[in-house]
Amino acid sequence: MLAEPLHMTFASIEREIGIGRGTIRKWDTNCPAADKLLKVANLLNTTMDYLMTGHTNSNTISMPLPADIEWLNLIHRLPEKKQIEFKSKMEGYLECYEESVAADEPLKKTGTTNSVK
């Protein structure tokens, strides 16, 4: 599930999530608390299942990240009709964005630009 190696040390993860130095190494013999595992999973943008098993399970629902929760809270403040309207506009925006990224891709590879001098 991790897109690429993060090159993080246990010490840097421990500092980032606010647990004591050497705690992660002790997890080989002592089962970590679920809240600590959740913090590590969120930091690494993965699921607790992946941390514990090394496998992804498509039936598993991952916990939303704090930024996701913030977006959902904003959207849910809208009346239902406006939520549907917002969703439609967002889908249209994403479609246009994906098309523009796809159109720009050959330019990145060749180094050419669309600028007129």
PDB file of N, CA and C in Angstrom:
ATOM      1  N   MET A   1       0.814  -1.187   0.000  1.00  0.00           N
ATOM      2  CA  MET A   1       0.000   0.000   0.000  1.00  0.00           C
ATOM      3  C   MET A   1       0.860   1.255   0.000  1.00  0.00           C
ATOM      4  N   LEU A   2       2.044   1.216   0.604  1.00  0.00           N
ATOM      5  CA  LEU A   2       2.934   2.364   0.557  1.00  0.00           C
ATOM      6  C   LEU A   2       3.413   2.558  -0.866  1.00  0.00           C
ATOM      7  N   ALA A   3       3.304   3.777  -1.367  1.00  0.00           N
ATOM      8  CA  ALA A   3       3.652   4.044  -2.749  1.00  0.00           C
ATOM      9  C   ALA A   3       5.152   3.938  -3.000  1.00  0.00           C
ATOM     10  N   GLU A   4       5.952   4.352  -2.053  1.00  0.00           N
ATOM     11  CA  GLU A   4       7.395   4.314  -2.202  1.00  0.00           C
ATOM     12  C   GLU A   4       8.022   4.258  -0.818  1.00  0.00           C
ATOM     13  N   PRO A   5       9.272   3.790  -0.726  1.00  0.00           N
ATOM     14  CA  PRO A   5       9.928   3.749   0.581  1.00  0.00           C
ATOM     15  C   PRO A   5      10.045   5.164   1.151  1.00  0.00           C
ATOM     16  N   LEU A   6       9.802   5.292   2.432  1.00  0.00           N
ATOM     17  CA  LEU A   6       9.817   6.614   3.046  1.00  0.00           C
ATOM     18  C   LEU A   6      11.150   6.969   3.672  1.00  0.00           C
ATOM     19  N   HIS A   7      12.037   6.013   3.842  1.00  0.00           N
ATOM     20  CA  HIS A   7      13.350   6.246   4.428  1.00  0.00           C
ATOM     21  C   HIS A   7      13.240   6.943   5.777  1.00  0.00           C
ATOM     22  N   MET A   8      12.360   6.458   6.622  1.00  0.00           N
ATOM     23  CA  MET A   8      12.193   7.000   7.968  1.00  0.00           C
ATOM     24  C   MET A   8      12.780   6.005   8.965  1.00  0.00           C
ATOM     25  N   THR A   9      13.400   6.525   9.991  1.00  0.00           N
ATOM     26  CA  THR A   9      13.913   5.666  11.043  1.00  0.00           C
ATOM     27  C   THR A   9      12.849   5.483  12.106  1.00  0.00           C
ATOM     28  N   PHE A  10      13.020   4.446  12.933  1.00  0.00           N
ATOM     29  CA  PHE A  10      12.092   4.282  14.051  1.00  0.00           C
ATOM     30  C   PHE A  10      12.088   5.535  14.914  1.00  0.00           C
ATOM     31  N   ALA A  11      13.260   6.097  15.144  1.00  0.00           N
ATOM     32  CA  ALA A  11      13.359   7.299  15.989  1.00  0.00           C
ATOM     33  C   ALA A  11      12.565   8.463  15.402  1.00  0.00           C
ATOM     34  N   SER A  12      12.634   8.644  14.073  1.00  0.00           N
ATOM     35  CA  SER A  12      11.891   9.767  13.472  1.00  0.00           C
ATOM     36  C   SER A  12      10.388   9.525  13.533  1.00  0.00           C
ATOM     37  N   ILE A  13       9.963   8.272  13.368  1.00  0.00           N
ATOM     38  CA  ILE A  13       8.533   7.955  13.494  1.00  0.00           C
ATOM     39  C   ILE A  13       8.080   8.187  14.932  1.00  0.00           C
ATOM     40  N   GLU A  14       8.887   7.743  15.903  1.00  0.00           N
ATOM     41  CA  GLU A  14       8.545   7.920  17.320  1.00  0.00           C
ATOM     42  C   GLU A  14       8.412   9.400  17.669  1.00  0.00           C
ATOM     43  N   ARG A  15       9.329  10.220  17.160  1.00  0.00           N
ATOM     44  CA  ARG A  15       9.245  11.668  17.403  1.00  0.00           C
ATOM     45  C   ARG A  15       7.978  12.242  16.768  1.00  0.00           C
ATOM     46  N   GLU A  16       7.720  11.847  15.529  1.00  0.00           N
ATOM     47  CA  GLU A  16       6.580  12.399  14.773  1.00  0.00           C
ATOM     48  C   GLU A  16       5.242  12.110  15.442  1.00  0.00           C
ATOM     49  N   ILE A  17       5.071  10.900  15.978  1.00  0.00           N
ATOM     50  CA  ILE A  17       3.773  10.554  16.569  1.00  0.00           C
ATOM     51  C   ILE A  17       3.749  10.741  18.081  1.00  0.00           C
ATOM     52  N   GLY A  18       4.880  11.159  18.663  1.00  0.00           N
ATOM     53  CA  GLY A  18       4.897  11.503  20.081  1.00  0.00           C
ATOM     54  C   GLY A  18       4.942  10.335  21.044  1.00  0.00           C
ATOM     55  N   ILE A  19       5.734   9.314  20.711  1.00  0.00           N
ATOM     56  CA  ILE A  19       5.914   8.206  21.648  1.00  0.00           C
ATOM     57  C   ILE A  19       7.378   8.146  22.058  1.00  0.00           C
ATOM     58  N   GLY A  20       7.655   7.428  23.144  1.00  0.00           N
ATOM     59  CA  GLY A  20       9.000   7.369  23.697  1.00  0.00           C
ATOM     60  C   GLY A  20      10.006   6.696  22.779  1.00  0.00           C
ATOM     61  N   ARG A  21      11.254   7.113  22.932  1.00  0.00           N
ATOM     62  CA  ARG A  21      12.337   6.542  22.141  1.00  0.00           C
ATOM     63  C   ARG A  21      12.491   5.053  22.459  1.00  0.00           C
ATOM     64  N   GLY A  22      12.617   4.236  21.429  1.00  0.00           N
ATOM     65  CA  GLY A  22      12.780   2.804  21.595  1.00  0.00           C
ATOM     66  C   GLY A  22      11.481   2.024  21.696  1.00  0.00           C
ATOM     67  N   THR A  23      10.353   2.743  21.688  1.00  0.00           N
ATOM     68  CA  THR A  23       9.049   2.088  21.846  1.00  0.00           C
ATOM     69  C   THR A  23       8.760   1.115  20.711  1.00  0.00           C
ATOM     70  N   ILE A  24       9.028   1.529  19.473  1.00  0.00           N
ATOM     71  CA  ILE A  24       8.691   0.678  18.330  1.00  0.00           C
ATOM     72  C   ILE A  24       9.475  -0.630  18.377  1.00  0.00           C
ATOM     73  N   ARG A  25      10.731  -0.579  18.773  1.00  0.00           N
ATOM     74  CA  ARG A  25      11.530  -1.810  18.849  1.00  0.00           C
ATOM     75  C   ARG A  25      10.947  -2.784  19.875  1.00  0.00           C
ATOM     76  N   LYS A  26      10.302  -2.272  20.898  1.00  0.00           N
ATOM     77  CA  LYS A  26       9.693  -3.125  21.926  1.00  0.00           C
ATOM     78  C   LYS A  26       8.430  -3.813  21.417  1.00  0.00           C
ATOM     79  N   TRP A  27       7.884  -3.347  20.295  1.00  0.00           N
ATOM     80  CA  TRP A  27       6.656  -3.933  19.769  1.00  0.00           C
ATOM     81  C   TRP A  27       6.873  -5.351  19.251  1.00  0.00           C
ATOM     82  N   ASP A  28       8.121  -5.770  19.105  1.00  0.00           N
ATOM     83  CA  ASP A  28       8.386  -7.168  18.735  1.00  0.00           C
ATOM     84  C   ASP A  28       7.897  -8.121  19.818  1.00  0.00           C
ATOM     85  N   THR A  29       7.973  -7.688  21.075  1.00  0.00           N
ATOM     86  CA  THR A  29       7.592  -8.561  22.191  1.00  0.00           C
ATOM     87  C   THR A  29       6.355  -8.079  22.934  1.00  0.00           C
ATOM     88  N   ASN A  30       6.049  -6.795  22.856  1.00  0.00           N
ATOM     89  CA  ASN A  30       4.875  -6.226  23.523  1.00  0.00           C
ATOM     90  C   ASN A  30       3.931  -5.650  22.483  1.00  0.00           C
ATOM     91  N   CYS A  31       2.703  -6.069  22.518  1.00  0.00           N
ATOM     92  CA  CYS A  31       1.705  -5.601  21.559  1.00  0.00           C
ATOM     93  C   CYS A  31       1.448  -4.105  21.760  1.00  0.00           C
ATOM     94  N   PRO A  32       1.569  -3.302  20.687  1.00  0.00           N
ATOM     95  CA  PRO A  32       1.329  -1.860  20.821  1.00  0.00           C
ATOM     96  C   PRO A  32      -0.157  -1.556  20.997  1.00  0.00           C
ATOM     97  N   ALA A  33      -0.434  -0.416  21.598  1.00  0.00           N
ATOM     98  CA  ALA A  33      -1.814   0.046  21.749  1.00  0.00           C
ATOM     99  C   ALA A  33      -2.360   0.437  20.379  1.00  0.00           C
ATOM    100  N   ALA A  34      -3.640   0.212  20.177  1.00  0.00           N
ATOM    101  CA  ALA A  34      -4.275   0.498  18.886  1.00  0.00           C
ATOM    102  C   ALA A  34      -4.131   1.961  18.491  1.00  0.00           C
ATOM    103  N   ASP A  35      -4.221   2.879  19.454  1.00  0.00           N
ATOM    104  CA  ASP A  35      -4.114   4.295  19.105  1.00  0.00           C
ATOM    105  C   ASP A  35      -2.726   4.632  18.576  1.00  0.00           C
ATOM    106  N   LYS A  36      -1.692   3.940  19.067  1.00  0.00           N
ATOM    107  CA  LYS A  36      -0.328   4.170  18.579  1.00  0.00           C
ATOM    108  C   LYS A  36      -0.181   3.623  17.157  1.00  0.00           C
ATOM    109  N   LEU A  37      -0.726   2.438  16.921  1.00  0.00           N
ATOM    110  CA  LEU A  37      -0.676   1.867  15.568  1.00  0.00           C
ATOM    111  C   LEU A  37      -1.416   2.757  14.570  1.00  0.00           C
ATOM    112  N   LEU A  38      -2.542   3.301  14.991  1.00  0.00           N
ATOM    113  CA  LEU A  38      -3.309   4.178  14.111  1.00  0.00           C
ATOM    114  C   LEU A  38      -2.499   5.413  13.741  1.00  0.00           C
ATOM    115  N   LYS A  39      -1.780   5.978  14.712  1.00  0.00           N
ATOM    116  CA  LYS A  39      -0.943   7.146  14.423  1.00  0.00           C
ATOM    117  C   LYS A  39       0.148   6.796  13.415  1.00  0.00           C
ATOM    118  N   VAL A  40       0.774   5.634  13.573  1.00  0.00           N
ATOM    119  CA  VAL A  40       1.805   5.210  12.629  1.00  0.00           C
ATOM    120  C   VAL A  40       1.189   4.996  11.248  1.00  0.00           C
ATOM    121  N   ALA A  41       0.042   4.329  11.187  1.00  0.00           N
ATOM    122  CA  ALA A  41      -0.629   4.087   9.904  1.00  0.00           C
ATOM    123  C   ALA A  41      -0.966   5.404   9.212  1.00  0.00           C
ATOM    124  N   ASN A  42      -1.486   6.366   9.953  1.00  0.00           N
ATOM    125  CA  ASN A  42      -1.814   7.667   9.359  1.00  0.00           C
ATOM    126  C   ASN A  42      -0.568   8.389   8.882  1.00  0.00           C
ATOM    127  N   LEU A  43       0.503   8.331   9.667  1.00  0.00           N
ATOM    128  CA  LEU A  43       1.752   8.977   9.282  1.00  0.00           C
ATOM    129  C   LEU A  43       2.280   8.394   7.978  1.00  0.00           C
ATOM    130  N   LEU A  44       2.179   7.083   7.843  1.00  0.00           N
ATOM    131  CA  LEU A  44       2.685   6.401   6.653  1.00  0.00           C
ATOM    132  C   LEU A  44       1.651   6.290   5.537  1.00  0.00           C
ATOM    133  N   ASN A  45       0.465   6.872   5.766  1.00  0.00           N
ATOM    134  CA  ASN A  45      -0.622   6.873   4.789  1.00  0.00           C
ATOM    135  C   ASN A  45      -0.973   5.446   4.342  1.00  0.00           C
ATOM    136  N   THR A  46      -1.188   4.595   5.328  1.00  0.00           N
ATOM    137  CA  THR A  46      -1.556   3.215   5.059  1.00  0.00           C
ATOM    138  C   THR A  46      -2.595   2.764   6.080  1.00  0.00           C
ATOM    139  N   THR A  47      -2.937   1.491   6.080  1.00  0.00           N
ATOM    140  CA  THR A  47      -3.924   0.967   7.024  1.00  0.00           C
ATOM    141  C   THR A  47      -3.234   0.207   8.148  1.00  0.00           C
ATOM    142  N   MET A  48      -3.947   0.018   9.231  1.00  0.00           N
ATOM    143  CA  MET A  48      -3.415  -0.781  10.334  1.00  0.00           C
ATOM    144  C   MET A  48      -3.228  -2.230   9.884  1.00  0.00           C
ATOM    145  N   ASP A  49      -4.119  -2.733   9.041  1.00  0.00           N
ATOM    146  CA  ASP A  49      -3.975  -4.091   8.510  1.00  0.00           C
ATOM    147  C   ASP A  49      -2.640  -4.255   7.808  1.00  0.00           C
ATOM    148  N   TYR A  50      -2.290  -3.277   6.986  1.00  0.00           N
ATOM    149  CA  TYR A  50      -1.030  -3.356   6.257  1.00  0.00           C
ATOM    150  C   TYR A  50       0.161  -3.343   7.212  1.00  0.00           C
ATOM    151  N   LEU A  51       0.079  -2.512   8.248  1.00  0.00           N
ATOM    152  CA  LEU A  51       1.168  -2.476   9.235  1.00  0.00           C
ATOM    153  C   LEU A  51       1.345  -3.825   9.912  1.00  0.00           C
ATOM    154  N   MET A  52       0.242  -4.478  10.228  1.00  0.00           N
ATOM    155  CA  MET A  52       0.314  -5.719  10.997  1.00  0.00           C
ATOM    156  C   MET A  52       0.575  -6.946  10.131  1.00  0.00           C
ATOM    157  N   THR A  53       0.120  -6.932   8.876  1.00  0.00           N
ATOM    158  CA  THR A  53       0.227  -8.141   8.060  1.00  0.00           C
ATOM    159  C   THR A  53       1.094  -7.978   6.823  1.00  0.00           C
ATOM    160  N   GLY A  54       1.287  -6.748   6.389  1.00  0.00           N
ATOM    161  CA  GLY A  54       2.014  -6.523   5.144  1.00  0.00           C
ATOM    162  C   GLY A  54       1.165  -6.737   3.909  1.00  0.00           C
ATOM    163  N   HIS A  55      -0.125  -6.977   4.111  1.00  0.00           N
ATOM    164  CA  HIS A  55      -1.044  -7.215   2.992  1.00  0.00           C
ATOM    165  C   HIS A  55      -2.178  -6.201   3.037  1.00  0.00           C
ATOM    166  N   THR A  56      -2.693  -5.893   1.859  1.00  0.00           N
ATOM    167  CA  THR A  56      -3.877  -5.039   1.799  1.00  0.00           C
ATOM    168  C   THR A  56      -5.094  -5.926   1.682  1.00  0.00           C
ATOM    169  N   ASN A  57      -6.164  -5.473   2.248  1.00  0.00           N
ATOM    170  CA  ASN A  57      -7.422  -6.208   2.193  1.00  0.00           C
ATOM    171  C   ASN A  57      -8.462  -5.253   1.647  1.00  0.00           C
ATOM    172  N   SER A  58      -8.964  -5.550   0.471  1.00  0.00           N
ATOM    173  CA  SER A  58      -9.919  -4.643  -0.170  1.00  0.00           C
ATOM    174  C   SER A  58     -11.221  -4.522   0.617  1.00  0.00           C
ATOM    175  N   ASN A  59     -11.481  -5.446   1.541  1.00  0.00           N
ATOM    176  CA  ASN A  59     -12.692  -5.376   2.352  1.00  0.00           C
ATOM    177  C   ASN A  59     -12.509  -4.491   3.578  1.00  0.00           C
ATOM    178  N   THR A  60     -11.299  -4.014   3.802  1.00  0.00           N
ATOM    179  CA  THR A  60     -11.002  -3.210   4.975  1.00  0.00           C
ATOM    180  C   THR A  60     -11.251  -1.736   4.673  1.00  0.00           C
ATOM    181  N   ILE A  61     -11.899  -1.075   5.585  1.00  0.00           N
ATOM    182  CA  ILE A  61     -12.118   0.360   5.465  1.00  0.00           C
ATOM    183  C   ILE A  61     -11.040   1.042   6.292  1.00  0.00           C
ATOM    184  N   SER A  62     -10.235   1.886   5.665  1.00  0.00           N
ATOM    185  CA  SER A  62      -9.177   2.574   6.397  1.00  0.00           C
ATOM    186  C   SER A  62      -9.752   3.805   7.101  1.00  0.00           C
ATOM    187  N   MET A  63      -9.104   4.192   8.158  1.00  0.00           N
ATOM    188  CA  MET A  63      -9.526   5.368   8.910  1.00  0.00           C
ATOM    189  C   MET A  63      -9.201   6.618   8.096  1.00  0.00           C
ATOM    190  N   PRO A  64     -10.106   7.571   8.054  1.00  0.00           N
ATOM    191  CA  PRO A  64      -9.816   8.791   7.298  1.00  0.00           C
ATOM    192  C   PRO A  64      -8.715   9.600   7.973  1.00  0.00           C
ATOM    193  N   LEU A  65      -7.924  10.261   7.170  1.00  0.00           N
ATOM    194  CA  LEU A  65      -6.881  11.137   7.678  1.00  0.00           C
ATOM    195  C   LEU A  65      -7.528  12.421   8.194  1.00  0.00           C
ATOM    196  N   PRO A  66      -6.846  13.149   9.083  1.00  0.00           N
ATOM    197  CA  PRO A  66      -7.430  14.393   9.613  1.00  0.00           C
ATOM    198  C   PRO A  66      -7.861  15.374   8.527  1.00  0.00           C
ATOM    199  N   ALA A  67      -7.077  15.496   7.454  1.00  0.00           N
ATOM    200  CA  ALA A  67      -7.465  16.407   6.368  1.00  0.00           C
ATOM    201  C   ALA A  67      -8.749  15.938   5.698  1.00  0.00           C
ATOM    202  N   ASP A  68      -8.924  14.609   5.568  1.00  0.00           N
ATOM    203  CA  ASP A  68     -10.156  14.070   4.984  1.00  0.00           C
ATOM    204  C   ASP A  68     -11.357  14.414   5.861  1.00  0.00           C
ATOM    205  N   ILE A  69     -11.187  14.292   7.152  1.00  0.00           N
ATOM    206  CA  ILE A  69     -12.268  14.595   8.092  1.00  0.00           C
ATOM    207  C   ILE A  69     -12.648  16.066   7.992  1.00  0.00           C
ATOM    208  N   GLU A  70     -11.642  16.929   7.852  1.00  0.00           N
ATOM    209  CA  GLU A  70     -11.907  18.364   7.724  1.00  0.00           C
ATOM    210  C   GLU A  70     -12.739  18.651   6.466  1.00  0.00           C
ATOM    211  N   TRP A  71     -12.378  18.033   5.336  1.00  0.00           N
ATOM    212  CA  TRP A  71     -13.140  18.203   4.100  1.00  0.00           C
ATOM    213  C   TRP A  71     -14.564  17.700   4.258  1.00  0.00           C
ATOM    214  N   LEU A  72     -14.714  16.512   4.839  1.00  0.00           N
ATOM    215  CA  LEU A  72     -16.056  15.946   5.024  1.00  0.00           C
ATOM    216  C   LEU A  72     -16.919  16.839   5.908  1.00  0.00           C
ATOM    217  N   ASN A  73     -16.343  17.381   6.967  1.00  0.00           N
ATOM    218  CA  ASN A  73     -17.096  18.272   7.844  1.00  0.00           C
ATOM    219  C   ASN A  73     -17.572  19.512   7.099  1.00  0.00           C
ATOM    220  N   LEU A  74     -16.701  20.067   6.244  1.00  0.00           N
ATOM    221  CA  LEU A  74     -17.104  21.236   5.458  1.00  0.00           C
ATOM    222  C   LEU A  74     -18.241  20.889   4.500  1.00  0.00           C
ATOM    223  N   ILE A  75     -18.112  19.768   3.813  1.00  0.00           N
ATOM    224  CA  ILE A  75     -19.135  19.363   2.848  1.00  0.00           C
ATOM    225  C   ILE A  75     -20.460  19.092   3.550  1.00  0.00           C
ATOM    226  N   HIS A  76     -20.410  18.461   4.711  1.00  0.00           N
ATOM    227  CA  HIS A  76     -21.652  18.110   5.423  1.00  0.00           C
ATOM    228  C   HIS A  76     -22.339  19.321   6.041  1.00  0.00           C
ATOM    229  N   ARG A  77     -21.659  20.456   6.073  1.00  0.00           N
ATOM    230  CA  ARG A  77     -22.317  21.689   6.537  1.00  0.00           C
ATOM    231  C   ARG A  77     -23.253  22.243   5.462  1.00  0.00           C
ATOM    232  N   LEU A  78     -23.076  21.794   4.226  1.00  0.00           N
ATOM    233  CA  LEU A  78     -23.949  22.239   3.138  1.00  0.00           C
ATOM    234  C   LEU A  78     -25.274  21.492   3.192  1.00  0.00           C
ATOM    235  N   PRO A  79     -26.360  22.128   2.743  1.00  0.00           N
ATOM    236  CA  PRO A  79     -27.618  21.396   2.590  1.00  0.00           C
ATOM    237  C   PRO A  79     -27.422  20.277   1.562  1.00  0.00           C
ATOM    238  N   GLU A  80     -28.217  19.221   1.659  1.00  0.00           N
ATOM    239  CA  GLU A  80     -28.031  18.051   0.802  1.00  0.00           C
ATOM    240  C   GLU A  80     -28.033  18.406  -0.692  1.00  0.00           C
ATOM    241  N   LYS A  81     -28.924  19.286  -1.103  1.00  0.00           N
ATOM    242  CA  LYS A  81     -28.984  19.680  -2.513  1.00  0.00           C
ATOM    243  C   LYS A  81     -27.670  20.336  -2.954  1.00  0.00           C
ATOM    244  N   LYS A  82     -27.101  21.160  -2.097  1.00  0.00           N
ATOM    245  CA  LYS A  82     -25.834  21.827  -2.412  1.00  0.00           C
ATOM    246  C   LYS A  82     -24.669  20.826  -2.395  1.00  0.00           C
ATOM    247  N   GLN A  83     -24.752  19.787  -1.546  1.00  0.00           N
ATOM    248  CA  GLN A  83     -23.721  18.744  -1.541  1.00  0.00           C
ATOM    249  C   GLN A  83     -23.679  18.037  -2.893  1.00  0.00           C
ATOM    250  N   ILE A  84     -24.869  17.720  -3.424  1.00  0.00           N
ATOM    251  CA  ILE A  84     -24.957  17.043  -4.719  1.00  0.00           C
ATOM    252  C   ILE A  84     -24.405  17.956  -5.817  1.00  0.00           C
ATOM    253  N   GLU A  85     -24.741  19.237  -5.747  1.00  0.00           N
ATOM    254  CA  GLU A  85     -24.246  20.216  -6.714  1.00  0.00           C
ATOM    255  C   GLU A  85     -22.722  20.335  -6.627  1.00  0.00           C
ATOM    256  N   PHE A  86     -22.203  20.389  -5.409  1.00  0.00           N
ATOM    257  CA  PHE A  86     -20.759  20.484  -5.194  1.00  0.00           C
ATOM    258  C   PHE A  86     -20.051  19.246  -5.766  1.00  0.00           C
ATOM    259  N   LYS A  87     -20.617  18.081  -5.515  1.00  0.00           N
ATOM    260  CA  LYS A  87     -20.030  16.832  -6.018  1.00  0.00           C
ATOM    261  C   LYS A  87     -19.950  16.862  -7.534  1.00  0.00           C
ATOM    262  N   SER A  88     -21.029  17.288  -8.180  1.00  0.00           N
ATOM    263  CA  SER A  88     -21.066  17.357  -9.640  1.00  0.00           C
ATOM    264  C   SER A  88     -20.000  18.315 -10.161  1.00  0.00           C
ATOM    265  N   LYS A  89     -19.892  19.481  -9.533  1.00  0.00           N
ATOM    266  CA  LYS A  89     -18.888  20.465  -9.956  1.00  0.00           C
ATOM    267  C   LYS A  89     -17.477  19.935  -9.726  1.00  0.00           C
ATOM    268  N   MET A  90     -17.245  19.253  -8.618  1.00  0.00           N
ATOM    269  CA  MET A  90     -15.934  18.704  -8.319  1.00  0.00           C
ATOM    270  C   MET A  90     -15.556  17.626  -9.340  1.00  0.00           C
ATOM    271  N   GLU A  91     -16.530  16.771  -9.706  1.00  0.00           N
ATOM    272  CA  GLU A  91     -16.262  15.745 -10.719  1.00  0.00           C
ATOM    273  C   GLU A  91     -15.896  16.394 -12.054  1.00  0.00           C
ATOM    274  N   GLY A  92     -16.607  17.468 -12.422  1.00  0.00           N
ATOM    275  CA  GLY A  92     -16.287  18.188 -13.661  1.00  0.00           C
ATOM    276  C   GLY A  92     -14.906  18.814 -13.597  1.00  0.00           C
ATOM    277  N   TYR A  93     -14.580  19.402 -12.470  1.00  0.00           N
ATOM    278  CA  TYR A  93     -13.257  19.996 -12.290  1.00  0.00           C
ATOM    279  C   TYR A  93     -12.169  18.933 -12.424  1.00  0.00           C
ATOM    280  N   LEU A  94     -12.365  17.790 -11.764  1.00  0.00           N
ATOM    281  CA  LEU A  94     -11.365  16.723 -11.820  1.00  0.00           C
ATOM    282  C   LEU A  94     -11.199  16.189 -13.242  1.00  0.00           C
ATOM    283  N   GLU A  95     -12.292  16.068 -13.960  1.00  0.00           N
ATOM    284  CA  GLU A  95     -12.216  15.608 -15.345  1.00  0.00           C
ATOM    285  C   GLU A  95     -11.389  16.577 -16.185  1.00  0.00           C
ATOM    286  N   CYS A  96     -11.640  17.870 -16.036  1.00  0.00           N
ATOM    287  CA  CYS A  96     -10.862  18.878 -16.774  1.00  0.00           C
ATOM    288  C   CYS A  96      -9.390  18.849 -16.361  1.00  0.00           C
ATOM    289  N   TYR A  97      -9.155  18.711 -15.068  1.00  0.00           N
ATOM    290  CA  TYR A  97      -7.787  18.665 -14.557  1.00  0.00           C
ATOM    291  C   TYR A  97      -7.037  17.459 -15.124  1.00  0.00           C
ATOM    292  N   GLU A  98      -7.674  16.283 -15.099  1.00  0.00           N
ATOM    293  CA  GLU A  98      -7.036  15.067 -15.610  1.00  0.00           C
ATOM    294  C   GLU A  98      -6.748  15.193 -17.106  1.00  0.00           C
ATOM    295  N   GLU A  99      -7.656  15.814 -17.843  1.00  0.00           N
ATOM    296  CA  GLU A  99      -7.432  16.023 -19.272  1.00  0.00           C
ATOM    297  C   GLU A  99      -6.257  16.968 -19.506  1.00  0.00           C
ATOM    298  N   SER A 100      -6.156  18.028 -18.691  1.00  0.00           N
ATOM    299  CA  SER A 100      -5.055  18.978 -18.871  1.00  0.00           C
ATOM    300  C   SER A 100      -3.719  18.348 -18.498  1.00  0.00           C
ATOM    301  N   VAL A 101      -3.711  17.506 -17.464  1.00  0.00           N
ATOM    302  CA  VAL A 101      -2.482  16.812 -17.086  1.00  0.00           C
ATOM    303  C   VAL A 101      -2.071  15.856 -18.200  1.00  0.00           C
ATOM    304  N   ALA A 102      -3.038  15.139 -18.757  1.00  0.00           N
ATOM    305  CA  ALA A 102      -2.749  14.207 -19.850  1.00  0.00           C
ATOM    306  C   ALA A 102      -2.231  14.964 -21.076  1.00  0.00           C
ATOM    307  N   ALA A 103      -2.793  16.135 -21.340  1.00  0.00           N
ATOM    308  CA  ALA A 103      -2.355  16.931 -22.488  1.00  0.00           C
ATOM    309  C   ALA A 103      -0.954  17.486 -22.279  1.00  0.00           C
ATOM    310  N   ASP A 104      -0.588  17.804 -21.045  1.00  0.00           N
ATOM    311  CA  ASP A 104       0.734  18.358 -20.732  1.00  0.00           C
ATOM    312  C   ASP A 104       1.813  17.293 -20.666  1.00  0.00           C
ATOM    313  N   GLU A 105       1.437  16.036 -20.528  1.00  0.00           N
ATOM    314  CA  GLU A 105       2.424  14.964 -20.328  1.00  0.00           C
ATOM    315  C   GLU A 105       3.476  14.902 -21.433  1.00  0.00           C
ATOM    316  N   PRO A 106       3.103  14.960 -22.718  1.00  0.00           N
ATOM    317  CA  PRO A 106       4.145  14.911 -23.754  1.00  0.00           C
ATOM    318  C   PRO A 106       5.104  16.098 -23.673  1.00  0.00           C
ATOM    319  N   LEU A 107       4.614  17.255 -23.230  1.00  0.00           N
ATOM    320  CA  LEU A 107       5.470  18.424 -23.111  1.00  0.00           C
ATOM    321  C   LEU A 107       6.558  18.201 -22.072  1.00  0.00           C
ATOM    322  N   LYS A 108       6.216  17.562 -20.990  1.00  0.00           N
ATOM    323  CA  LYS A 108       7.198  17.298 -19.947  1.00  0.00           C
ATOM    324  C   LYS A 108       8.284  16.361 -20.446  1.00  0.00           C
ATOM    325  N   LYS A 109       7.894  15.392 -21.270  1.00  0.00           N
ATOM    326  CA  LYS A 109       8.856  14.410 -21.758  1.00  0.00           C
ATOM    327  C   LYS A 109       9.805  15.019 -22.789  1.00  0.00           C
ATOM    328  N   THR A 110       9.300  15.914 -23.634  1.00  0.00           N
ATOM    329  CA  THR A 110      10.129  16.472 -24.690  1.00  0.00           C
ATOM    330  C   THR A 110      10.833  17.749 -24.287  1.00  0.00           C
ATOM    331  N   GLY A 111      10.329  18.374 -23.227  1.00  0.00           N
ATOM    332  CA  GLY A 111      10.944  19.621 -22.783  1.00  0.00           C
ATOM    333  C   GLY A 111      10.436  20.822 -23.521  1.00  0.00           C
ATOM    334  N   THR A 112       9.449  20.665 -24.406  1.00  0.00           N
ATOM    335  CA  THR A 112       8.908  21.803 -25.138  1.00  0.00           C
ATOM    336  C   THR A 112       7.839  22.491 -24.296  1.00  0.00           C
ATOM    337  N   THR A 113       7.501  23.701 -24.683  1.00  0.00           N
ATOM    338  CA  THR A 113       6.464  24.435 -23.959  1.00  0.00           C
ATOM    339  C   THR A 113       5.465  24.997 -24.960  1.00  0.00           C
ATOM    340  N   ASN A 114       4.341  25.468 -24.415  1.00  0.00           N
ATOM    341  CA  ASN A 114       3.315  26.093 -25.249  1.00  0.00           C
ATOM    342  C   ASN A 114       3.478  27.601 -25.285  1.00  0.00           C
ATOM    343  N   SER A 115       4.480  28.137 -24.640  1.00  0.00           N
ATOM    344  CA  SER A 115       4.599  29.590 -24.545  1.00  0.00           C
ATOM    345  C   SER A 115       4.961  30.197 -25.905  1.00  0.00           C
ATOM    346  N   VAL A 116       4.393  31.358 -26.164  1.00  0.00           N
ATOM    347  CA  VAL A 116       4.658  32.090 -27.407  1.00  0.00           C
ATOM    348  C   VAL A 116       5.517  33.274 -27.044  1.00  0.00           C
ATOM    349  N   LYS A 117       6.600  33.469 -27.803  1.00  0.00           N
ATOM    350  CA  LYS A 117       7.498  34.599 -27.524  1.00  0.00           C
ATOM    351  C   LYS A 117       7.329  35.683 -28.547  1.00  0.00           C
TER     352      LYS A 117
END
